[in-house]
Amino acid sequence: MSRLNLSVRTDGLAVVTLAHPPMNTMDAPLLEGITSLFEGLATEPAVRAAIIRSEGRAFSAGLDLKLVPGLDRVGQRRLVDALNDCFGTLYAWPKPLVAAINGHAIAGGMILALCADWRVVADVPMETSLAEVRVGVTYPVAPLEIARSELAPTTARRLILLGESLDAREAEALRVFDERVPEDELMTRALARAQRYAALPPNAFATTKRELRAPALDRIAEARSGRREPRLASWLGEEMRRAAAAVLGRAA
């Protein structure tokens, strides 16, 4: 069963759905699938913009903490590469990208949302956080560069360094998300935004987006090429395993 679904509408909007409910957790194969899908959509003339959304009660809870602590060095290397490739591809994607955030956006799930050019969140009980520090995980280059570029400095300090959590209202107030709408209006609003931005001149949009994000994209490109990615040498250690086990124990 596919964990990633694609539909392309007659108006040229691609709707990409994470279909791994309830929490849409991430692993290397899913991240690699997102990368491949968006690389293909980037060169598809019929696609003018895209929406990324999820099934279930969460947009994404990030990496699967039940699986990650057991990864060997090869598995860790694959996951670091997959994270940099996926988020780097999305952040550099040359067409308008809208996120329809239906629920919890945690850790990698929040980075996924931050890759979008416009972020619409449903007004539902939810948590949004960059929880990596709470589970002993340090950031690969792409997630950290995107978070640093897209969040105001005080918000970045609270979320990245201190691991605070926000609800939908607080996240909108801090401009983590651009607008908050009733749950039943989420896709309607996301589609309207995507249609609006799809009407922008495509070459000018792609060039401006690339140049606007050039400092972060240059650092991500170096990491994707194998240079200047500190996590490749060593990433997930005993501290992460203990912290992840404690979080899972509290959730049980």
Foldseek 3Di string as FASTA:
>chain_A
DDQWDWDADQQQEIEIEREDDAASEDALVVLVVLLVVLVVSLPDVSHLEYEYAYDHAWRHAYHDLVPVLPDDLVRLLSRLLSLLSRLLCLLLRLHAYEYLTRAEQEASSLSVRLSHPAYEYEQDWHKYANQQVLLVFDDWQRSVLSLVVRFDPVVCCCGVVVNDIDTPVVCCVRVSHVYYDHNVCRVVVRVVVNSVRSPPDRVVSSVCSCVVSVVSSVCSVCVSVVHPTVCSVPTDDPSNNVSSVVVVVVVD
